[in-house]
Amino acid sequence: MAVWIAATGAVVCALALAPVAWVLLASAGRRKDPGAVPDRPVAVVLGAAAWAEGPSPLLARRLDLAVRLYRDGRVGRILVSGDNRAVSRHETDTMTAYLVDRGVPADRIEADPHGYRTWDTCVRAREVFGIRSATMVTQSFHLPRTVALARAAGIDAVGVGDPSMGARRRATAIGYAREAGAAAKALRDVLLRTAPAHREPDRPRERP
């Protein structure tokens, strides 16, 4: 009985850790510092909470990273992706305005208002916006899953993460704690090829 219990526990642990292992392996070598990330045509900035007065602190830090990549010439344009419904305080409108205020030309910014989840953002970036190569921009705790999902969606993705622990310790700790469960959902989406919540009927736009 003891052997059976131990074996069952080992199997359960292996199954629980498999999604996390997949996320880390799929993004290995592709999580870069801002100053070392290879050039890509576009930065994809994942949405986060927007407040009445503008982006939340975590979202602002993501956008600041994208501004740096653009100013350094490491990306030529920026796609902001999030939930632009009123209930979410128009995330992508907020993100776009923040970037423009910091000197990114409006014609260098595109917005995906239906990036409700990370998987949705990645699939729509490939299918709707025609993105084949990108730098994914988010927090460090979210970056392995983001890069893994982008690659699974058909994007040659690298990523830059904001190490937010020093600035937003509580929110960052919660983010890390949630990633184990999120990794399991991510692997399920990849295996089942889950359709995004919103998919345009038009053909994908080609991008260089």
Foldseek 3Di string as FASTA:
>chain_A
DVVVVVVVVVVVVCVLCVLVVLLCVLQPPQEDALVPHAADAEEEEEWDAADPVARDPQSLLLLVSRLVCCVVVSYQAYEYEEACDVVRPGGQVRSLVSNVVVPDDSVRYHYHNQPHDLLQSLLCCCWAAVAAEYEYTGAPLCQSLNSSSNVLSRHNYGYYHHPCCVPCVVVVVVSNVCVSVVSVVSVVCSVVVDHRPDDDPDGHDHDD
